[in-house]
PDB file of N, CA and C in Angstrom:
ATOM      1  N   MET A   1     -16.384  21.794  12.995  1.00  0.00           N
ATOM      2  CA  MET A   1     -16.878  21.967  14.349  1.00  0.00           C
ATOM      3  C   MET A   1     -18.357  22.337  14.274  1.00  0.00           C
ATOM      4  N   THR A   2     -19.153  21.691  15.083  1.00  0.00           N
ATOM      5  CA  THR A   2     -20.581  21.988  15.084  1.00  0.00           C
ATOM      6  C   THR A   2     -20.847  23.269  15.865  1.00  0.00           C
ATOM      7  N   GLY A   3     -22.053  23.776  15.741  1.00  0.00           N
ATOM      8  CA  GLY A   3     -22.415  25.000  16.454  1.00  0.00           C
ATOM      9  C   GLY A   3     -22.290  24.859  17.955  1.00  0.00           C
ATOM     10  N   ILE A   4     -22.694  23.714  18.478  1.00  0.00           N
ATOM     11  CA  ILE A   4     -22.617  23.491  19.928  1.00  0.00           C
ATOM     12  C   ILE A   4     -21.165  23.424  20.370  1.00  0.00           C
ATOM     13  N   ALA A   5     -20.340  22.700  19.613  1.00  0.00           N
ATOM     14  CA  ALA A   5     -18.919  22.606  19.957  1.00  0.00           C
ATOM     15  C   ALA A   5     -18.262  23.980  19.872  1.00  0.00           C
ATOM     16  N   ALA A   6     -18.604  24.740  18.864  1.00  0.00           N
ATOM     17  CA  ALA A   6     -18.035  26.080  18.714  1.00  0.00           C
ATOM     18  C   ALA A   6     -18.457  26.963  19.887  1.00  0.00           C
ATOM     19  N   ALA A   7     -19.699  26.863  20.310  1.00  0.00           N
ATOM     20  CA  ALA A   7     -20.176  27.658  21.438  1.00  0.00           C
ATOM     21  C   ALA A   7     -19.412  27.298  22.709  1.00  0.00           C
ATOM     22  N   SER A   8     -19.130  26.027  22.898  1.00  0.00           N
ATOM     23  CA  SER A   8     -18.351  25.588  24.055  1.00  0.00           C
ATOM     24  C   SER A   8     -16.927  26.111  23.983  1.00  0.00           C
ATOM     25  N   PHE A   9     -16.344  26.013  22.813  1.00  0.00           N
ATOM     26  CA  PHE A   9     -14.962  26.413  22.628  1.00  0.00           C
ATOM     27  C   PHE A   9     -14.795  27.912  22.836  1.00  0.00           C
ATOM     28  N   PHE A  10     -15.762  28.681  22.383  1.00  0.00           N
ATOM     29  CA  PHE A  10     -15.649  30.130  22.437  1.00  0.00           C
ATOM     30  C   PHE A  10     -16.395  30.763  23.607  1.00  0.00           C
ATOM     31  N   SER A  11     -16.771  29.953  24.602  1.00  0.00           N
ATOM     32  CA  SER A  11     -17.423  30.551  25.762  1.00  0.00           C
ATOM     33  C   SER A  11     -16.393  31.369  26.532  1.00  0.00           C
ATOM     34  N   ASN A  12     -16.826  32.420  27.144  1.00  0.00           N
ATOM     35  CA  ASN A  12     -15.915  33.301  27.873  1.00  0.00           C
ATOM     36  C   ASN A  12     -15.891  32.903  29.347  1.00  0.00           C
ATOM     37  N   THR A  13     -15.653  31.615  29.586  1.00  0.00           N
ATOM     38  CA  THR A  13     -15.588  31.092  30.939  1.00  0.00           C
ATOM     39  C   THR A  13     -14.136  30.812  31.305  1.00  0.00           C
ATOM     40  N   CYS A  14     -13.739  31.284  32.452  1.00  0.00           N
ATOM     41  CA  CYS A  14     -12.367  31.054  32.912  1.00  0.00           C
ATOM     42  C   CYS A  14     -12.241  29.616  33.401  1.00  0.00           C
ATOM     43  N   ARG A  15     -11.352  28.877  32.774  1.00  0.00           N
ATOM     44  CA  ARG A  15     -11.115  27.493  33.171  1.00  0.00           C
ATOM     45  C   ARG A  15      -9.775  27.342  33.890  1.00  0.00           C
ATOM     46  N   PHE A  16      -9.185  28.450  34.259  1.00  0.00           N
ATOM     47  CA  PHE A  16      -7.882  28.452  34.908  1.00  0.00           C
ATOM     48  C   PHE A  16      -8.037  27.925  36.332  1.00  0.00           C
ATOM     49  N   GLY A  17      -7.444  26.787  36.604  1.00  0.00           N
ATOM     50  CA  GLY A  17      -7.486  26.221  37.945  1.00  0.00           C
ATOM     51  C   GLY A  17      -8.888  25.968  38.469  1.00  0.00           C
ATOM     52  N   GLY A  18      -9.855  25.729  37.569  1.00  0.00           N
ATOM     53  CA  GLY A  18     -11.228  25.469  37.990  1.00  0.00           C
ATOM     54  C   GLY A  18     -11.988  26.713  38.426  1.00  0.00           C
ATOM     55  N   CYS A  19     -11.531  27.875  38.028  1.00  0.00           N
ATOM     56  CA  CYS A  19     -12.143  29.152  38.425  1.00  0.00           C
ATOM     57  C   CYS A  19     -13.644  29.175  38.111  1.00  0.00           C
ATOM     58  N   GLY A  20     -14.000  29.021  36.827  1.00  0.00           N
ATOM     59  CA  GLY A  20     -15.399  28.927  36.435  1.00  0.00           C
ATOM     60  C   GLY A  20     -16.162  30.229  36.248  1.00  0.00           C
ATOM     61  N   LEU A  21     -15.536  31.381  36.473  1.00  0.00           N
ATOM     62  CA  LEU A  21     -16.249  32.643  36.271  1.00  0.00           C
ATOM     63  C   LEU A  21     -16.513  32.861  34.785  1.00  0.00           C
ATOM     64  N   HIS A  22     -17.670  33.465  34.480  1.00  0.00           N
ATOM     65  CA  HIS A  22     -18.059  33.739  33.094  1.00  0.00           C
ATOM     66  C   HIS A  22     -18.028  35.241  32.861  1.00  0.00           C
ATOM     67  N   PHE A  23     -17.583  35.627  31.664  1.00  0.00           N
ATOM     68  CA  PHE A  23     -17.451  37.041  31.314  1.00  0.00           C
ATOM     69  C   PHE A  23     -18.185  37.324  30.015  1.00  0.00           C
ATOM     70  N   PRO A  24     -18.758  38.534  29.883  1.00  0.00           N
ATOM     71  CA  PRO A  24     -19.513  38.886  28.684  1.00  0.00           C
ATOM     72  C   PRO A  24     -18.662  38.997  27.425  1.00  0.00           C
ATOM     73  N   SER A  25     -17.359  39.242  27.583  1.00  0.00           N
ATOM     74  CA  SER A  25     -16.517  39.390  26.398  1.00  0.00           C
ATOM     75  C   SER A  25     -15.174  38.700  26.612  1.00  0.00           C
ATOM     76  N   LEU A  26     -14.515  38.382  25.508  1.00  0.00           N
ATOM     77  CA  LEU A  26     -13.195  37.771  25.557  1.00  0.00           C
ATOM     78  C   LEU A  26     -12.199  38.724  26.212  1.00  0.00           C
ATOM     79  N   ALA A  27     -12.307  40.012  25.918  1.00  0.00           N
ATOM     80  CA  ALA A  27     -11.397  41.001  26.505  1.00  0.00           C
ATOM     81  C   ALA A  27     -11.494  40.992  28.028  1.00  0.00           C
ATOM     82  N   GLU A  28     -12.707  40.893  28.568  1.00  0.00           N
ATOM     83  CA  GLU A  28     -12.889  40.860  30.016  1.00  0.00           C
ATOM     84  C   GLU A  28     -12.326  39.563  30.612  1.00  0.00           C
ATOM     85  N   LEU A  29     -12.481  38.452  29.903  1.00  0.00           N
ATOM     86  CA  LEU A  29     -11.908  37.179  30.345  1.00  0.00           C
ATOM     87  C   LEU A  29     -10.390  37.276  30.407  1.00  0.00           C
ATOM     88  N   ILE A  30      -9.781  37.823  29.365  1.00  0.00           N
ATOM     89  CA  ILE A  30      -8.328  37.956  29.323  1.00  0.00           C
ATOM     90  C   ILE A  30      -7.843  38.857  30.457  1.00  0.00           C
ATOM     91  N   GLU A  31      -8.530  39.972  30.678  1.00  0.00           N
ATOM     92  CA  GLU A  31      -8.155  40.878  31.756  1.00  0.00           C
ATOM     93  C   GLU A  31      -8.239  40.171  33.105  1.00  0.00           C
ATOM     94  N   HIS A  32      -9.288  39.390  33.312  1.00  0.00           N
ATOM     95  CA  HIS A  32      -9.450  38.624  34.553  1.00  0.00           C
ATOM     96  C   HIS A  32      -8.289  37.655  34.748  1.00  0.00           C
ATOM     97  N   ILE A  33      -7.934  36.924  33.697  1.00  0.00           N
ATOM     98  CA  ILE A  33      -6.839  35.952  33.794  1.00  0.00           C
ATOM     99  C   ILE A  33      -5.529  36.665  34.119  1.00  0.00           C
ATOM    100  N   GLU A  34      -5.266  37.762  33.429  1.00  0.00           N
ATOM    101  CA  GLU A  34      -4.027  38.509  33.680  1.00  0.00           C
ATOM    102  C   GLU A  34      -3.974  39.059  35.107  1.00  0.00           C
ATOM    103  N   ASP A  35      -5.107  39.576  35.575  1.00  0.00           N
ATOM    104  CA  ASP A  35      -5.141  40.210  36.893  1.00  0.00           C
ATOM    105  C   ASP A  35      -5.180  39.208  38.050  1.00  0.00           C
ATOM    106  N   ASN A  36      -5.747  38.026  37.815  1.00  0.00           N
ATOM    107  CA  ASN A  36      -6.001  37.116  38.911  1.00  0.00           C
ATOM    108  C   ASN A  36      -5.244  35.796  38.889  1.00  0.00           C
ATOM    109  N   HIS A  37      -4.763  35.379  37.734  1.00  0.00           N
ATOM    110  CA  HIS A  37      -4.172  34.052  37.659  1.00  0.00           C
ATOM    111  C   HIS A  37      -2.726  34.015  37.189  1.00  0.00           C
ATOM    112  N   ILE A  38      -2.314  34.950  36.368  1.00  0.00           N
ATOM    113  CA  ILE A  38      -0.953  34.926  35.856  1.00  0.00           C
ATOM    114  C   ILE A  38       0.019  35.223  36.998  1.00  0.00           C
ATOM    115  N   GLY A  39       0.988  34.365  37.143  1.00  0.00           N
ATOM    116  CA  GLY A  39       1.980  34.544  38.185  1.00  0.00           C
ATOM    117  C   GLY A  39       1.635  33.864  39.499  1.00  0.00           C
ATOM    118  N   GLU A  40       0.430  33.293  39.592  1.00  0.00           N
ATOM    119  CA  GLU A  40       0.043  32.581  40.807  1.00  0.00           C
ATOM    120  C   GLU A  40       0.554  31.147  40.753  1.00  0.00           C
ATOM    121  N   TRP A  41       0.916  30.642  41.896  1.00  0.00           N
ATOM    122  CA  TRP A  41       1.286  29.230  41.994  1.00  0.00           C
ATOM    123  C   TRP A  41       0.057  28.428  42.390  1.00  0.00           C
ATOM    124  N   PRO A  42      -0.100  27.247  41.812  1.00  0.00           N
ATOM    125  CA  PRO A  42      -1.289  26.429  42.154  1.00  0.00           C
ATOM    126  C   PRO A  42      -1.363  26.032  43.613  1.00  0.00           C
TER     127      PRO A  42
END
């Protein structure tokens, strides 16, 4: 994987349902997904 591909893969951007919010850390991204998207119906 190239550096650019790795940066894309490891970006802390929520892609759940097209959300698109960006977070400074993976932990904050996970917390956002758990709090806002898990259990929601599309």
